[in-house]
Amino acid sequence: MNVLLYLIPIALTLGAAGLVAFFWAMRHGQFEDLDGAAHRILRDDD
């Protein structure tokens, strides 16, 4: 039962870190051009 005193704060910290990373990626435009990479691999620009 004492292990929950360690695991719950660790889980909350990791969840908060994931949320911060997601919002950081949103703010820096990581999700703006989702189709660009999919179409770029099909073009042959040699």
PDB file of N, CA and C in Angstrom:
ATOM      1  N   MET A   1       0.820  -1.200   0.000  1.00  0.00           N
ATOM      2  CA  MET A   1       0.000   0.000   0.000  1.00  0.00           C
ATOM      3  C   MET A   1       0.864   1.264   0.000  1.00  0.00           C
ATOM      4  N   ASN A   2       2.040   1.169   0.566  1.00  0.00           N
ATOM      5  CA  ASN A   2       2.923   2.329   0.603  1.00  0.00           C
ATOM      6  C   ASN A   2       3.456   2.692  -0.778  1.00  0.00           C
ATOM      7  N   VAL A   3       3.466   1.700  -1.679  1.00  0.00           N
ATOM      8  CA  VAL A   3       3.972   1.972  -3.014  1.00  0.00           C
ATOM      9  C   VAL A   3       3.060   2.959  -3.753  1.00  0.00           C
ATOM     10  N   LEU A   4       1.782   3.023  -3.378  1.00  0.00           N
ATOM     11  CA  LEU A   4       0.871   3.990  -4.004  1.00  0.00           C
ATOM     12  C   LEU A   4       1.270   5.424  -3.693  1.00  0.00           C
ATOM     13  N   LEU A   5       1.909   5.621  -2.563  1.00  0.00           N
ATOM     14  CA  LEU A   5       2.372   6.969  -2.225  1.00  0.00           C
ATOM     15  C   LEU A   5       3.453   7.447  -3.185  1.00  0.00           C
ATOM     16  N   TYR A   6       4.124   6.512  -3.842  1.00  0.00           N
ATOM     17  CA  TYR A   6       5.128   6.863  -4.837  1.00  0.00           C
ATOM     18  C   TYR A   6       4.557   6.857  -6.251  1.00  0.00           C
ATOM     19  N   LEU A   7       3.714   5.872  -6.536  1.00  0.00           N
ATOM     20  CA  LEU A   7       3.234   5.708  -7.908  1.00  0.00           C
ATOM     21  C   LEU A   7       2.233   6.770  -8.335  1.00  0.00           C
ATOM     22  N   ILE A   8       1.378   7.212  -7.460  1.00  0.00           N
ATOM     23  CA  ILE A   8       0.373   8.219  -7.829  1.00  0.00           C
ATOM     24  C   ILE A   8       1.025   9.552  -8.195  1.00  0.00           C
ATOM     25  N   PRO A   9       1.955  10.091  -7.396  1.00  0.00           N
ATOM     26  CA  PRO A   9       2.615  11.341  -7.836  1.00  0.00           C
ATOM     27  C   PRO A   9       3.453  11.174  -9.098  1.00  0.00           C
ATOM     28  N   ILE A  10       4.071  10.004  -9.262  1.00  0.00           N
ATOM     29  CA  ILE A  10       4.848   9.771 -10.481  1.00  0.00           C
ATOM     30  C   ILE A  10       3.924   9.754 -11.700  1.00  0.00           C
ATOM     31  N   ALA A  11       2.782   9.090 -11.586  1.00  0.00           N
ATOM     32  CA  ALA A  11       1.827   9.042 -12.695  1.00  0.00           C
ATOM     33  C   ALA A  11       1.276  10.433 -13.010  1.00  0.00           C
ATOM     34  N   LEU A  12       0.965  11.200 -11.996  1.00  0.00           N
ATOM     35  CA  LEU A  12       0.468  12.561 -12.226  1.00  0.00           C
ATOM     36  C   LEU A  12       1.536  13.448 -12.862  1.00  0.00           C
ATOM     37  N   THR A  13       2.776  13.283 -12.436  1.00  0.00           N
ATOM     38  CA  THR A  13       3.874  14.073 -13.011  1.00  0.00           C
ATOM     39  C   THR A  13       4.091  13.713 -14.469  1.00  0.00           C
ATOM     40  N   LEU A  14       4.078  12.417 -14.797  1.00  0.00           N
ATOM     41  CA  LEU A  14       4.258  12.007 -16.185  1.00  0.00           C
ATOM     42  C   LEU A  14       3.086  12.454 -17.058  1.00  0.00           C
ATOM     43  N   GLY A  15       1.887  12.410 -16.522  1.00  0.00           N
ATOM     44  CA  GLY A  15       0.728  12.892 -17.266  1.00  0.00           C
ATOM     45  C   GLY A  15       0.809  14.381 -17.533  1.00  0.00           C
ATOM     46  N   ALA A  16       1.216  15.137 -16.531  1.00  0.00           N
ATOM     47  CA  ALA A  16       1.368  16.584 -16.699  1.00  0.00           C
ATOM     48  C   ALA A  16       2.480  16.898 -17.698  1.00  0.00           C
ATOM     49  N   ALA A  17       3.568  16.125 -17.668  1.00  0.00           N
ATOM     50  CA  ALA A  17       4.666  16.344 -18.621  1.00  0.00           C
ATOM     51  C   ALA A  17       4.203  16.057 -20.048  1.00  0.00           C
ATOM     52  N   GLY A  18       3.401  15.021 -20.230  1.00  0.00           N
ATOM     53  CA  GLY A  18       2.864  14.730 -21.556  1.00  0.00           C
ATOM     54  C   GLY A  18       1.938  15.822 -22.045  1.00  0.00           C
ATOM     55  N   LEU A  19       1.128  16.365 -21.160  1.00  0.00           N
ATOM     56  CA  LEU A  19       0.218  17.452 -21.522  1.00  0.00           C
ATOM     57  C   LEU A  19       0.995  18.712 -21.888  1.00  0.00           C
ATOM     58  N   VAL A  20       2.033  19.013 -21.142  1.00  0.00           N
ATOM     59  CA  VAL A  20       2.878  20.175 -21.443  1.00  0.00           C
ATOM     60  C   VAL A  20       3.573  19.981 -22.793  1.00  0.00           C
ATOM     61  N   ALA A  21       4.058  18.777 -23.064  1.00  0.00           N
ATOM     62  CA  ALA A  21       4.716  18.513 -24.348  1.00  0.00           C
ATOM     63  C   ALA A  21       3.735  18.648 -25.505  1.00  0.00           C
ATOM     64  N   PHE A  22       2.504  18.194 -25.308  1.00  0.00           N
ATOM     65  CA  PHE A  22       1.489  18.321 -26.355  1.00  0.00           C
ATOM     66  C   PHE A  22       1.181  19.782 -26.643  1.00  0.00           C
ATOM     67  N   PHE A  23       0.972  20.580 -25.596  1.00  0.00           N
ATOM     68  CA  PHE A  23       0.677  21.995 -25.815  1.00  0.00           C
ATOM     69  C   PHE A  23       1.863  22.739 -26.401  1.00  0.00           C
ATOM     70  N   TRP A  24       3.090  22.325 -26.038  1.00  0.00           N
ATOM     71  CA  TRP A  24       4.281  22.942 -26.628  1.00  0.00           C
ATOM     72  C   TRP A  24       4.319  22.661 -28.135  1.00  0.00           C
ATOM     73  N   ALA A  25       4.016  21.417 -28.517  1.00  0.00           N
ATOM     74  CA  ALA A  25       4.012  21.054 -29.932  1.00  0.00           C
ATOM     75  C   ALA A  25       2.916  21.807 -30.686  1.00  0.00           C
ATOM     76  N   MET A  26       1.754  21.979 -30.066  1.00  0.00           N
ATOM     77  CA  MET A  26       0.678  22.742 -30.701  1.00  0.00           C
ATOM     78  C   MET A  26       1.090  24.191 -30.912  1.00  0.00           C
ATOM     79  N   ARG A  27       1.733  24.783 -29.920  1.00  0.00           N
ATOM     80  CA  ARG A  27       2.125  26.185 -30.004  1.00  0.00           C
ATOM     81  C   ARG A  27       3.207  26.425 -31.056  1.00  0.00           C
ATOM     82  N   HIS A  28       4.071  25.429 -31.273  1.00  0.00           N
ATOM     83  CA  HIS A  28       5.163  25.584 -32.222  1.00  0.00           C
ATOM     84  C   HIS A  28       4.840  25.049 -33.613  1.00  0.00           C
ATOM     85  N   GLY A  29       3.575  24.783 -33.890  1.00  0.00           N
ATOM     86  CA  GLY A  29       3.144  24.456 -35.241  1.00  0.00           C
ATOM     87  C   GLY A  29       3.488  23.060 -35.714  1.00  0.00           C
ATOM     88  N   GLN A  30       3.619  22.109 -34.834  1.00  0.00           N
ATOM     89  CA  GLN A  30       3.973  20.755 -35.240  1.00  0.00           C
ATOM     90  C   GLN A  30       2.829  20.031 -35.950  1.00  0.00           C
ATOM     91  N   PHE A  31       1.599  20.475 -35.758  1.00  0.00           N
ATOM     92  CA  PHE A  31       0.446  19.774 -36.313  1.00  0.00           C
ATOM     93  C   PHE A  31      -0.275  20.587 -37.377  1.00  0.00           C
ATOM     94  N   GLU A  32       0.391  21.557 -37.993  1.00  0.00           N
ATOM     95  CA  GLU A  32      -0.296  22.427 -38.942  1.00  0.00           C
ATOM     96  C   GLU A  32      -0.420  21.822 -40.333  1.00  0.00           C
ATOM     97  N   ASP A  33       0.613  21.144 -40.826  1.00  0.00           N
ATOM     98  CA  ASP A  33       0.593  20.606 -42.187  1.00  0.00           C
ATOM     99  C   ASP A  33       0.670  19.084 -42.123  1.00  0.00           C
ATOM    100  N   LEU A  34      -0.456  18.447 -41.866  1.00  0.00           N
ATOM    101  CA  LEU A  34      -0.462  16.992 -41.720  1.00  0.00           C
ATOM    102  C   LEU A  34      -0.386  16.273 -43.063  1.00  0.00           C
ATOM    103  N   ASP A  35      -0.882  16.878 -44.130  1.00  0.00           N
ATOM    104  CA  ASP A  35      -0.876  16.226 -45.438  1.00  0.00           C
ATOM    105  C   ASP A  35       0.390  16.517 -46.233  1.00  0.00           C
ATOM    106  N   GLY A  36       1.162  17.497 -45.838  1.00  0.00           N
ATOM    107  CA  GLY A  36       2.349  17.879 -46.595  1.00  0.00           C
ATOM    108  C   GLY A  36       3.376  16.771 -46.694  1.00  0.00           C
ATOM    109  N   ALA A  37       3.679  16.119 -45.594  1.00  0.00           N
ATOM    110  CA  ALA A  37       4.676  15.051 -45.615  1.00  0.00           C
ATOM    111  C   ALA A  37       4.176  13.846 -46.401  1.00  0.00           C
ATOM    112  N   ALA A  38       2.885  13.570 -46.339  1.00  0.00           N
ATOM    113  CA  ALA A  38       2.340  12.434 -47.073  1.00  0.00           C
ATOM    114  C   ALA A  38       2.427  12.660 -48.582  1.00  0.00           C
ATOM    115  N   HIS A  39       2.225  13.879 -49.024  1.00  0.00           N
ATOM    116  CA  HIS A  39       2.304  14.171 -50.457  1.00  0.00           C
ATOM    117  C   HIS A  39       3.739  14.389 -50.905  1.00  0.00           C
ATOM    118  N   ARG A  40       4.575  14.876 -50.012  1.00  0.00           N
ATOM    119  CA  ARG A  40       5.963  15.166 -50.364  1.00  0.00           C
ATOM    120  C   ARG A  40       6.740  13.897 -50.703  1.00  0.00           C
ATOM    121  N   ILE A  41       6.410  12.775 -50.045  1.00  0.00           N
ATOM    122  CA  ILE A  41       7.138  11.544 -50.307  1.00  0.00           C
ATOM    123  C   ILE A  41       6.776  10.961 -51.673  1.00  0.00           C
ATOM    124  N   LEU A  42       5.624  11.335 -52.225  1.00  0.00           N
ATOM    125  CA  LEU A  42       5.214  10.816 -53.517  1.00  0.00           C
ATOM    126  C   LEU A  42       5.820  11.593 -54.688  1.00  0.00           C
ATOM    127  N   ARG A  43       6.262  12.821 -54.445  1.00  0.00           N
ATOM    128  CA  ARG A  43       6.853  13.631 -55.520  1.00  0.00           C
ATOM    129  C   ARG A  43       8.304  13.252 -55.747  1.00  0.00           C
ATOM    130  N   ASP A  44       8.721  13.332 -56.986  1.00  0.00           N
ATOM    131  CA  ASP A  44      10.117  13.049 -57.348  1.00  0.00           C
ATOM    132  C   ASP A  44      10.769  14.343 -57.792  1.00  0.00           C
ATOM    133  N   ASP A  45      11.504  14.996 -56.894  1.00  0.00           N
ATOM    134  CA  ASP A  45      12.108  16.306 -57.170  1.00  0.00           C
ATOM    135  C   ASP A  45      13.615  16.187 -57.381  1.00  0.00           C
ATOM    136  N   ASP A  46      14.039  15.323 -58.285  1.00  0.00           N
ATOM    137  CA  ASP A  46      15.479  15.189 -58.514  1.00  0.00           C
ATOM    138  C   ASP A  46      16.003  16.254 -59.430  1.00  0.00           C
TER     139      ASP A  46
END
